[in-house]
All heavy atoms as atom14 arrays in JSON, in Angstrom:
{
  "sequence": "LTYHVRPEHLVGFMRTLRDEPSLRFEMCLGVSGAHFPEETGRELHA",
  "atom14_mask": [
    [1, 1, 1, 1, 1, 1, 1, 1, 0, 0, 0, 0, 0, 0],
    [1, 1, 1, 1, 1, 1, 1, 0, 0, 0, 0, 0, 0, 0],
    [1, 1, 1, 1, 1, 1, 1, 1, 1, 1, 1, 1, 0, 0],
    [1, 1, 1, 1, 1, 1, 1, 1, 1, 1, 0, 0, 0, 0],
    [1, 1, 1, 1, 1, 1, 1, 0, 0, 0, 0, 0, 0, 0],
    [1, 1, 1, 1, 1, 1, 1, 1, 1, 1, 1, 0, 0, 0],
    [1, 1, 1, 1, 1, 1, 1, 0, 0, 0, 0, 0, 0, 0],
    [1, 1, 1, 1, 1, 1, 1, 1, 1, 0, 0, 0, 0, 0],
    [1, 1, 1, 1, 1, 1, 1, 1, 1, 1, 0, 0, 0, 0],
    [1, 1, 1, 1, 1, 1, 1, 1, 0, 0, 0, 0, 0, 0],
    [1, 1, 1, 1, 1, 1, 1, 0, 0, 0, 0, 0, 0, 0],
    [1, 1, 1, 1, 0, 0, 0, 0, 0, 0, 0, 0, 0, 0],
    [1, 1, 1, 1, 1, 1, 1, 1, 1, 1, 1, 0, 0, 0],
    [1, 1, 1, 1, 1, 1, 1, 1, 0, 0, 0, 0, 0, 0],
    [1, 1, 1, 1, 1, 1, 1, 1, 1, 1, 1, 0, 0, 0],
    [1, 1, 1, 1, 1, 1, 1, 0, 0, 0, 0, 0, 0, 0],
    [1, 1, 1, 1, 1, 1, 1, 1, 0, 0, 0, 0, 0, 0],
    [1, 1, 1, 1, 1, 1, 1, 1, 1, 1, 1, 0, 0, 0],
    [1, 1, 1, 1, 1, 1, 1, 1, 0, 0, 0, 0, 0, 0],
    [1, 1, 1, 1, 1, 1, 1, 1, 1, 0, 0, 0, 0, 0],
    [1, 1, 1, 1, 1, 1, 1, 0, 0, 0, 0, 0, 0, 0],
    [1, 1, 1, 1, 1, 1, 0, 0, 0, 0, 0, 0, 0, 0],
    [1, 1, 1, 1, 1, 1, 1, 1, 0, 0, 0, 0, 0, 0],
    [1, 1, 1, 1, 1, 1, 1, 1, 1, 1, 1, 0, 0, 0],
    [1, 1, 1, 1, 1, 1, 1, 1, 1, 1, 1, 0, 0, 0],
    [1, 1, 1, 1, 1, 1, 1, 1, 1, 0, 0, 0, 0, 0],
    [1, 1, 1, 1, 1, 1, 1, 1, 0, 0, 0, 0, 0, 0],
    [1, 1, 1, 1, 1, 1, 0, 0, 0, 0, 0, 0, 0, 0],
    [1, 1, 1, 1, 1, 1, 1, 1, 0, 0, 0, 0, 0, 0],
    [1, 1, 1, 1, 0, 0, 0, 0, 0, 0, 0, 0, 0, 0],
    [1, 1, 1, 1, 1, 1, 1, 0, 0, 0, 0, 0, 0, 0],
    [1, 1, 1, 1, 1, 1, 0, 0, 0, 0, 0, 0, 0, 0],
    [1, 1, 1, 1, 0, 0, 0, 0, 0, 0, 0, 0, 0, 0],
    [1, 1, 1, 1, 1, 0, 0, 0, 0, 0, 0, 0, 0, 0],
    [1, 1, 1, 1, 1, 1, 1, 1, 1, 1, 0, 0, 0, 0],
    [1, 1, 1, 1, 1, 1, 1, 1, 1, 1, 1, 0, 0, 0],
    [1, 1, 1, 1, 1, 1, 1, 0, 0, 0, 0, 0, 0, 0],
    [1, 1, 1, 1, 1, 1, 1, 1, 1, 0, 0, 0, 0, 0],
    [1, 1, 1, 1, 1, 1, 1, 1, 1, 0, 0, 0, 0, 0],
    [1, 1, 1, 1, 1, 1, 1, 0, 0, 0, 0, 0, 0, 0],
    [1, 1, 1, 1, 0, 0, 0, 0, 0, 0, 0, 0, 0, 0],
    [1, 1, 1, 1, 1, 1, 1, 1, 1, 1, 1, 0, 0, 0],
    [1, 1, 1, 1, 1, 1, 1, 1, 1, 0, 0, 0, 0, 0],
    [1, 1, 1, 1, 1, 1, 1, 1, 0, 0, 0, 0, 0, 0],
    [1, 1, 1, 1, 1, 1, 1, 1, 1, 1, 0, 0, 0, 0],
    [1, 1, 1, 1, 1, 0, 0, 0, 0, 0, 0, 0, 0, 0]
  ],
  "atom14_positions": [
    [[-11.45, -3.97, 19.76], [-12.83, -3.61, 19.45], [-12.81, -2.86, 18.12], [-12.15, -1.83, 17.97], [-13.42, -2.69, 20.59], [-14.74, -2.11, 20.36], [-15.86, -3.2, 20.43], [-15.08, -1.08, 21.47], [0.0, 0.0, 0.0], [0.0, 0.0, 0.0], [0.0, 0.0, 0.0], [0.0, 0.0, 0.0], [0.0, 0.0, 0.0], [0.0, 0.0, 0.0]],
    [[-13.55, -3.35, 17.19], [-13.59, -2.81, 15.82], [-15.07, -2.41, 15.45], [-15.93, -3.21, 15.51], [-13.06, -3.77, 14.77], [-11.72, -4.09, 15.09], [-13.08, -3.12, 13.36], [0.0, 0.0, 0.0], [0.0, 0.0, 0.0], [0.0, 0.0, 0.0], [0.0, 0.0, 0.0], [0.0, 0.0, 0.0], [0.0, 0.0, 0.0], [0.0, 0.0, 0.0]],
    [[-15.2, -1.19, 14.98], [-16.47, -0.67, 14.48], [-16.38, -0.64, 12.97], [-15.58, 0.01, 12.4], [-16.83, 0.7, 15.07], [-17.48, 0.65, 16.4], [-16.78, 0.49, 17.56], [-18.91, 0.68, 16.45], [-17.48, 0.41, 18.81], [-19.58, 0.6, 17.64], [-18.85, 0.49, 18.84], [-19.47, 0.39, 20.03], [0.0, 0.0, 0.0], [0.0, 0.0, 0.0]],
    [[-17.34, -1.39, 12.35], [-17.42, -1.36, 10.87], [-18.48, -0.31, 10.53], [-19.66, -0.48, 10.89], [-17.85, -2.72, 10.31], [-16.71, -3.73, 10.44], [-15.92, -4.04, 9.38], [-16.26, -4.38, 11.54], [-15.03, -4.95, 9.79], [-15.18, -5.21, 11.06], [0.0, 0.0, 0.0], [0.0, 0.0, 0.0], [0.0, 0.0, 0.0], [0.0, 0.0, 0.0]],
    [[-18.04, 0.75, 9.85], [-18.87, 1.97, 9.67], [-19.15, 2.18, 8.15], [-18.28, 1.92, 7.35], [-18.18, 3.17, 10.27], [-18.99, 4.42, 9.99], [-17.93, 2.98, 11.76], [0.0, 0.0, 0.0], [0.0, 0.0, 0.0], [0.0, 0.0, 0.0], [0.0, 0.0, 0.0], [0.0, 0.0, 0.0], [0.0, 0.0, 0.0], [0.0, 0.0, 0.0]],
    [[-20.36, 2.57, 7.85], [-20.71, 2.88, 6.45], [-20.01, 4.15, 6.02], [-19.92, 5.12, 6.82], [-22.23, 3.03, 6.29], [-22.94, 1.7, 6.55], [-24.46, 1.83, 6.36], [-25.1, 0.48, 6.51], [-25.47, -0.01, 7.72], [-25.29, 0.71, 8.83], [-26.06, -1.23, 7.78], [0.0, 0.0, 0.0], [0.0, 0.0, 0.0], [0.0, 0.0, 0.0]],
    [[-19.54, 4.16, 4.78], [-18.69, 5.29, 4.35], [-19.3, 6.7, 4.54], [-18.62, 7.59, 4.97], [-18.46, 5.01, 2.85], [-18.67, 3.55, 2.71], [-19.71, 3.16, 3.77], [0.0, 0.0, 0.0], [0.0, 0.0, 0.0], [0.0, 0.0, 0.0], [0.0, 0.0, 0.0], [0.0, 0.0, 0.0], [0.0, 0.0, 0.0], [0.0, 0.0, 0.0]],
    [[-20.61, 6.79, 4.24], [-21.22, 8.13, 4.3], [-21.3, 8.67, 5.71], [-21.58, 9.81, 5.91], [-22.6, 8.05, 3.64], [-23.6, 7.17, 4.25], [-23.54, 5.72, 3.72], [-22.5, 5.34, 3.16], [-24.56, 5.02, 3.87], [0.0, 0.0, 0.0], [0.0, 0.0, 0.0], [0.0, 0.0, 0.0], [0.0, 0.0, 0.0], [0.0, 0.0, 0.0]],
    [[-21.16, 7.84, 6.72], [-21.23, 8.25, 8.13], [-19.84, 8.3, 8.8], [-19.77, 8.57, 9.99], [-22.07, 7.29, 8.86], [-23.55, 7.32, 8.47], [-24.48, 8.19, 9.03], [-24.22, 6.53, 7.61], [-25.69, 7.94, 8.41], [-25.52, 6.99, 7.6], [0.0, 0.0, 0.0], [0.0, 0.0, 0.0], [0.0, 0.0, 0.0], [0.0, 0.0, 0.0]],
    [[-18.8, 8.08, 8.03], [-17.46, 8.01, 8.65], [-17.06, 9.28, 9.34], [-16.57, 9.26, 10.45], [-16.43, 7.6, 7.57], [-14.97, 7.5, 8.07], [-14.77, 6.5, 9.15], [-14.05, 7.3, 6.89], [0.0, 0.0, 0.0], [0.0, 0.0, 0.0], [0.0, 0.0, 0.0], [0.0, 0.0, 0.0], [0.0, 0.0, 0.0], [0.0, 0.0, 0.0]],
    [[-17.17, 10.44, 8.66], [-16.64, 11.71, 9.21], [-17.41, 12.02, 10.57], [-16.76, 12.36, 11.51], [-16.8, 12.8, 8.2], [-16.38, 14.17, 8.81], [-15.93, 12.56, 6.95], [0.0, 0.0, 0.0], [0.0, 0.0, 0.0], [0.0, 0.0, 0.0], [0.0, 0.0, 0.0], [0.0, 0.0, 0.0], [0.0, 0.0, 0.0], [0.0, 0.0, 0.0]],
    [[-18.68, 11.9, 10.55], [-19.46, 12.17, 11.72], [-19.14, 11.18, 12.91], [-19.08, 11.64, 14.08], [0.0, 0.0, 0.0], [0.0, 0.0, 0.0], [0.0, 0.0, 0.0], [0.0, 0.0, 0.0], [0.0, 0.0, 0.0], [0.0, 0.0, 0.0], [0.0, 0.0, 0.0], [0.0, 0.0, 0.0], [0.0, 0.0, 0.0], [0.0, 0.0, 0.0]],
    [[-18.88, 9.97, 12.52], [-18.57, 8.96, 13.53], [-17.21, 9.29, 14.15], [-17.04, 9.23, 15.35], [-18.51, 7.58, 12.86], [-18.31, 6.46, 13.81], [-19.42, 5.89, 14.5], [-17.06, 5.87, 14.0], [-19.25, 4.83, 15.37], [-16.89, 4.89, 14.89], [-18.01, 4.28, 15.59], [0.0, 0.0, 0.0], [0.0, 0.0, 0.0], [0.0, 0.0, 0.0]],
    [[-16.2, 9.64, 13.33], [-14.89, 10.03, 13.77], [-14.96, 11.29, 14.69], [-14.26, 11.34, 15.71], [-13.94, 10.22, 12.66], [-13.54, 8.97, 11.91], [-12.57, 7.87, 12.95], [-11.77, 6.88, 11.74], [0.0, 0.0, 0.0], [0.0, 0.0, 0.0], [0.0, 0.0, 0.0], [0.0, 0.0, 0.0], [0.0, 0.0, 0.0], [0.0, 0.0, 0.0]],
    [[-15.75, 12.22, 14.32], [-15.91, 13.42, 15.11], [-16.5, 13.13, 16.53], [-16.1, 13.72, 17.49], [-16.69, 14.46, 14.38], [-16.72, 15.85, 14.99], [-17.31, 16.92, 14.12], [-16.43, 17.29, 13.07], [-16.65, 17.09, 11.75], [-17.7, 16.49, 11.35], [-15.75, 17.52, 10.91], [0.0, 0.0, 0.0], [0.0, 0.0, 0.0], [0.0, 0.0, 0.0]],
    [[-17.47, 12.26, 16.52], [-18.09, 11.85, 17.81], [-17.05, 11.16, 18.68], [-16.95, 11.47, 19.88], [-19.32, 10.95, 17.54], [-20.33, 11.66, 16.83], [-19.93, 10.45, 18.87], [0.0, 0.0, 0.0], [0.0, 0.0, 0.0], [0.0, 0.0, 0.0], [0.0, 0.0, 0.0], [0.0, 0.0, 0.0], [0.0, 0.0, 0.0], [0.0, 0.0, 0.0]],
    [[-16.27, 10.22, 18.09], [-15.28, 9.53, 18.91], [-14.21, 10.54, 19.39], [-13.72, 10.35, 20.53], [-14.57, 8.49, 18.02], [-15.3, 7.24, 17.65], [-14.4, 6.32, 16.82], [-15.93, 6.52, 18.81], [0.0, 0.0, 0.0], [0.0, 0.0, 0.0], [0.0, 0.0, 0.0], [0.0, 0.0, 0.0], [0.0, 0.0, 0.0], [0.0, 0.0, 0.0]],
    [[-13.94, 11.58, 18.65], [-12.95, 12.54, 19.09], [-13.42, 13.49, 20.18], [-12.74, 13.81, 21.11], [-12.43, 13.31, 17.92], [-11.27, 14.27, 18.16], [-11.08, 15.3, 17.08], [-12.26, 16.21, 16.92], [-12.33, 17.09, 15.98], [-11.38, 17.3, 15.04], [-13.41, 17.91, 15.96], [0.0, 0.0, 0.0], [0.0, 0.0, 0.0], [0.0, 0.0, 0.0]],
    [[-14.64, 14.0, 19.98], [-15.12, 15.18, 20.74], [-15.93, 14.75, 22.02], [-15.94, 15.56, 22.97], [-15.94, 16.06, 19.9], [-15.17, 16.7, 18.74], [-13.92, 16.65, 18.86], [-15.75, 17.21, 17.8], [0.0, 0.0, 0.0], [0.0, 0.0, 0.0], [0.0, 0.0, 0.0], [0.0, 0.0, 0.0], [0.0, 0.0, 0.0], [0.0, 0.0, 0.0]],
    [[-16.59, 13.65, 22.04], [-17.43, 13.24, 23.11], [-16.55, 12.92, 24.38], [-15.69, 12.11, 24.3], [-18.31, 12.08, 22.81], [-19.06, 11.42, 23.95], [-19.88, 12.46, 24.71], [-20.44, 13.34, 24.06], [-19.86, 12.35, 25.94], [0.0, 0.0, 0.0], [0.0, 0.0, 0.0], [0.0, 0.0, 0.0], [0.0, 0.0, 0.0], [0.0, 0.0, 0.0]],
    [[-16.78, 13.63, 25.49], [-15.88, 13.52, 26.69], [-15.76, 12.11, 27.15], [-14.71, 11.66, 27.7], [-16.48, 14.43, 27.72], [-17.21, 15.5, 26.97], [-17.71, 14.79, 25.71], [0.0, 0.0, 0.0], [0.0, 0.0, 0.0], [0.0, 0.0, 0.0], [0.0, 0.0, 0.0], [0.0, 0.0, 0.0], [0.0, 0.0, 0.0], [0.0, 0.0, 0.0]],
    [[-16.8, 11.28, 27.09], [-16.76, 9.92, 27.58], [-16.02, 8.98, 26.59], [-15.76, 7.85, 26.94], [-18.19, 9.35, 27.84], [-18.97, 9.44, 26.63], [0.0, 0.0, 0.0], [0.0, 0.0, 0.0], [0.0, 0.0, 0.0], [0.0, 0.0, 0.0], [0.0, 0.0, 0.0], [0.0, 0.0, 0.0], [0.0, 0.0, 0.0], [0.0, 0.0, 0.0]],
    [[-15.67, 9.47, 25.49], [-14.91, 8.7, 24.44], [-13.5, 9.21, 24.29], [-12.54, 8.57, 24.58], [-15.66, 8.66, 23.11], [-17.01, 7.99, 23.11], [-17.79, 8.28, 21.85], [-16.87, 6.49, 23.3], [0.0, 0.0, 0.0], [0.0, 0.0, 0.0], [0.0, 0.0, 0.0], [0.0, 0.0, 0.0], [0.0, 0.0, 0.0], [0.0, 0.0, 0.0]],
    [[-13.37, 10.46, 23.77], [-12.12, 11.16, 23.61], [-10.99, 10.32, 22.95], [-9.89, 10.25, 23.47], [-11.62, 11.66, 25.03], [-12.35, 12.81, 25.56], [-11.95, 14.06, 24.82], [-12.5, 15.27, 25.47], [-13.15, 16.23, 24.92], [-13.38, 16.1, 23.6], [-13.62, 17.26, 25.54], [0.0, 0.0, 0.0], [0.0, 0.0, 0.0], [0.0, 0.0, 0.0]],
    [[-11.34, 9.77, 21.75], [-10.25, 9.15, 20.96], [-9.63, 10.26, 20.16], [-10.0, 10.49, 18.99], [-10.85, 8.06, 20.12], [-11.23, 6.83, 20.92], [-12.56, 6.68, 21.39], [-10.28, 5.9, 21.23], [-12.93, 5.6, 22.16], [-10.63, 4.78, 22.04], [-11.92, 4.62, 22.48], [0.0, 0.0, 0.0], [0.0, 0.0, 0.0], [0.0, 0.0, 0.0]],
    [[-8.68, 10.97, 20.8], [-8.15, 12.2, 20.19], [-7.18, 11.92, 19.05], [-6.98, 12.8, 18.22], [-7.4, 12.96, 21.29], [-8.23, 13.31, 22.52], [-7.86, 12.41, 23.64], [-7.46, 11.22, 23.41], [-8.01, 12.82, 24.84], [0.0, 0.0, 0.0], [0.0, 0.0, 0.0], [0.0, 0.0, 0.0], [0.0, 0.0, 0.0], [0.0, 0.0, 0.0]],
    [[-6.57, 10.78, 19.01], [-5.58, 10.58, 18.0], [-5.88, 9.44, 17.05], [-6.17, 8.36, 17.46], [-4.15, 10.25, 18.67], [-3.03, 10.1, 17.72], [-1.45, 9.96, 18.56], [-0.37, 9.91, 17.13], [0.0, 0.0, 0.0], [0.0, 0.0, 0.0], [0.0, 0.0, 0.0], [0.0, 0.0, 0.0], [0.0, 0.0, 0.0], [0.0, 0.0, 0.0]],
    [[-5.81, 9.78, 15.76], [-5.94, 8.69, 14.72], [-4.53, 8.39, 14.27], [-3.78, 9.27, 13.9], [-6.78, 9.19, 13.57], [-7.06, 7.92, 12.28], [0.0, 0.0, 0.0], [0.0, 0.0, 0.0], [0.0, 0.0, 0.0], [0.0, 0.0, 0.0], [0.0, 0.0, 0.0], [0.0, 0.0, 0.0], [0.0, 0.0, 0.0], [0.0, 0.0, 0.0]],
    [[-4.16, 7.15, 14.35], [-2.85, 6.62, 14.02], [-2.6, 6.34, 12.54], [-1.66, 5.69, 12.15], [-2.5, 5.42, 14.81], [-2.58, 5.63, 16.35], [-2.43, 4.35, 17.17], [-1.54, 6.65, 16.84], [0.0, 0.0, 0.0], [0.0, 0.0, 0.0], [0.0, 0.0, 0.0], [0.0, 0.0, 0.0], [0.0, 0.0, 0.0], [0.0, 0.0, 0.0]],
    [[-3.48, 6.9, 11.67], [-3.34, 6.72, 10.29], [-4.49, 5.88, 9.69], [-5.53, 5.67, 10.34], [0.0, 0.0, 0.0], [0.0, 0.0, 0.0], [0.0, 0.0, 0.0], [0.0, 0.0, 0.0], [0.0, 0.0, 0.0], [0.0, 0.0, 0.0], [0.0, 0.0, 0.0], [0.0, 0.0, 0.0], [0.0, 0.0, 0.0], [0.0, 0.0, 0.0]],
    [[-4.25, 5.47, 8.42], [-5.25, 4.56, 7.79], [-4.42, 3.64, 6.95], [-3.48, 3.91, 6.29], [-6.27, 5.37, 6.94], [-5.54, 6.23, 5.9], [-7.28, 4.42, 6.24], [0.0, 0.0, 0.0], [0.0, 0.0, 0.0], [0.0, 0.0, 0.0], [0.0, 0.0, 0.0], [0.0, 0.0, 0.0], [0.0, 0.0, 0.0], [0.0, 0.0, 0.0]],
    [[-4.85, 2.33, 6.96], [-4.22, 1.27, 6.21], [-5.2, 0.68, 5.29], [-6.42, 0.6, 5.63], [-3.6, 0.18, 7.09], [-2.65, 0.74, 8.0], [0.0, 0.0, 0.0], [0.0, 0.0, 0.0], [0.0, 0.0, 0.0], [0.0, 0.0, 0.0], [0.0, 0.0, 0.0], [0.0, 0.0, 0.0], [0.0, 0.0, 0.0], [0.0, 0.0, 0.0]],
    [[-4.76, 0.22, 4.12], [-5.66, -0.4, 3.18], [-5.55, -1.99, 3.24], [-4.59, -2.52, 3.73], [0.0, 0.0, 0.0], [0.0, 0.0, 0.0], [0.0, 0.0, 0.0], [0.0, 0.0, 0.0], [0.0, 0.0, 0.0], [0.0, 0.0, 0.0], [0.0, 0.0, 0.0], [0.0, 0.0, 0.0], [0.0, 0.0, 0.0], [0.0, 0.0, 0.0]],
    [[-6.6, -2.64, 2.79], [-6.61, -4.09, 2.67], [-7.49, -4.45, 1.43], [-8.43, -3.74, 1.17], [-7.17, -4.73, 3.89], [0.0, 0.0, 0.0], [0.0, 0.0, 0.0], [0.0, 0.0, 0.0], [0.0, 0.0, 0.0], [0.0, 0.0, 0.0], [0.0, 0.0, 0.0], [0.0, 0.0, 0.0], [0.0, 0.0, 0.0], [0.0, 0.0, 0.0]],
    [[-7.07, -5.47, 0.77], [-7.79, -5.88, -0.48], [-8.22, -7.35, -0.33], [-7.35, -8.23, -0.15], [-6.88, -5.66, -1.64], [-7.54, -5.95, -2.96], [-6.91, -6.41, -4.09], [-8.84, -5.84, -3.33], [-7.67, -6.55, -5.04], [-8.94, -6.22, -4.68], [0.0, 0.0, 0.0], [0.0, 0.0, 0.0], [0.0, 0.0, 0.0], [0.0, 0.0, 0.0]],
    [[-9.54, -7.56, -0.4], [-10.09, -8.96, -0.38], [-10.85, -9.11, -1.67], [-12.08, -8.82, -1.69], [-10.98, -9.14, 0.81], [-10.23, -8.95, 2.13], [-10.31, -7.74, 2.85], [-9.52, -9.99, 2.74], [-9.64, -7.58, 4.01], [-8.88, -9.79, 3.92], [-8.92, -8.61, 4.54], [0.0, 0.0, 0.0], [0.0, 0.0, 0.0], [0.0, 0.0, 0.0]],
    [[-10.24, -9.51, -2.75], [-10.93, -9.53, -4.03], [-12.09, -10.5, -4.06], [-13.0, -10.35, -4.9], [-9.83, -9.97, -5.01], [-8.72, -10.5, -4.17], [-8.8, -9.92, -2.85], [0.0, 0.0, 0.0], [0.0, 0.0, 0.0], [0.0, 0.0, 0.0], [0.0, 0.0, 0.0], [0.0, 0.0, 0.0], [0.0, 0.0, 0.0], [0.0, 0.0, 0.0]],
    [[-12.13, -11.54, -3.14], [-13.2, -12.44, -3.21], [-14.44, -11.98, -2.38], [-15.5, -12.58, -2.45], [-12.73, -13.81, -2.59], [-11.53, -14.46, -3.33], [-10.21, -13.96, -2.87], [-10.17, -13.03, -1.98], [-9.21, -14.36, -3.43], [0.0, 0.0, 0.0], [0.0, 0.0, 0.0], [0.0, 0.0, 0.0], [0.0, 0.0, 0.0], [0.0, 0.0, 0.0]],
    [[-14.33, -10.87, -1.64], [-15.43, -10.36, -0.82], [-16.26, -9.45, -1.68], [-16.14, -8.2, -1.66], [-14.92, -9.72, 0.4], [-16.01, -9.45, 1.45], [-15.47, -8.77, 2.71], [-14.33, -8.27, 2.7], [-16.23, -8.73, 3.69], [0.0, 0.0, 0.0], [0.0, 0.0, 0.0], [0.0, 0.0, 0.0], [0.0, 0.0, 0.0], [0.0, 0.0, 0.0]],
    [[-17.12, -10.02, -2.53], [-17.83, -9.29, -3.57], [-18.58, -8.09, -2.95], [-19.35, -8.25, -1.99], [-18.8, -10.21, -4.26], [-18.07, -11.3, -4.79], [-19.52, -9.46, -5.43], [0.0, 0.0, 0.0], [0.0, 0.0, 0.0], [0.0, 0.0, 0.0], [0.0, 0.0, 0.0], [0.0, 0.0, 0.0], [0.0, 0.0, 0.0], [0.0, 0.0, 0.0]],
    [[-18.41, -6.92, -3.55], [-19.07, -5.68, -3.13], [-18.4, -5.0, -1.96], [-18.77, -3.89, -1.53], [0.0, 0.0, 0.0], [0.0, 0.0, 0.0], [0.0, 0.0, 0.0], [0.0, 0.0, 0.0], [0.0, 0.0, 0.0], [0.0, 0.0, 0.0], [0.0, 0.0, 0.0], [0.0, 0.0, 0.0], [0.0, 0.0, 0.0], [0.0, 0.0, 0.0]],
    [[-17.35, -5.66, -1.33], [-16.63, -5.11, -0.21], [-15.11, -5.39, -0.4], [-14.42, -5.7, 0.57], [-17.12, -5.65, 1.11], [-18.56, -5.44, 1.41], [-19.04, -6.23, 2.64], [-18.21, -6.09, 3.78], [-18.27, -5.15, 4.67], [-19.23, -4.23, 4.52], [-17.53, -5.05, 5.71], [0.0, 0.0, 0.0], [0.0, 0.0, 0.0], [0.0, 0.0, 0.0]],
    [[-14.61, -5.25, -1.58], [-13.31, -5.68, -1.86], [-12.2, -4.88, -1.17], [-11.11, -5.39, -0.85], [-13.0, -5.7, -3.37], [-13.86, -6.74, -4.19], [-15.21, -6.2, -4.6], [-15.52, -5.03, -4.18], [-15.87, -6.88, -5.37], [0.0, 0.0, 0.0], [0.0, 0.0, 0.0], [0.0, 0.0, 0.0], [0.0, 0.0, 0.0], [0.0, 0.0, 0.0]],
    [[-12.43, -3.59, -1.01], [-11.39, -2.71, -0.49], [-11.8, -2.15, 0.92], [-12.9, -1.7, 1.13], [-11.18, -1.46, -1.38], [-10.54, -1.79, -2.78], [-10.69, -0.62, -3.68], [-9.08, -2.26, -2.56], [0.0, 0.0, 0.0], [0.0, 0.0, 0.0], [0.0, 0.0, 0.0], [0.0, 0.0, 0.0], [0.0, 0.0, 0.0], [0.0, 0.0, 0.0]],
    [[-10.91, -2.29, 1.84], [-11.1, -1.96, 3.29], [-10.11, -0.86, 3.64], [-8.92, -0.91, 3.29], [-10.93, -3.1, 4.17], [-11.99, -4.18, 4.04], [-12.63, -4.76, 5.13], [-12.51, -4.76, 2.94], [-13.49, -5.63, 4.67], [-13.42, -5.67, 3.36], [0.0, 0.0, 0.0], [0.0, 0.0, 0.0], [0.0, 0.0, 0.0], [0.0, 0.0, 0.0]],
    [[-10.63, 0.14, 4.4], [-9.71, 1.12, 5.07], [-9.8, 0.94, 6.53], [-10.96, 0.89, 7.04], [-10.14, 2.51, 4.63], [0.0, 0.0, 0.0], [0.0, 0.0, 0.0], [0.0, 0.0, 0.0], [0.0, 0.0, 0.0], [0.0, 0.0, 0.0], [0.0, 0.0, 0.0], [0.0, 0.0, 0.0], [0.0, 0.0, 0.0], [0.0, 0.0, 0.0]]
  ]
}
């Protein structure tokens, strides 16, 4: 299950996933980059 989130809402989204008892995604396993140069306007993914 993947949520594609707008950058300006990322921190609040992550805090909700961590703190809400029915979610409790307590651990982030890092961040990886990806580069899709042909995806105009969305070339870099985290």
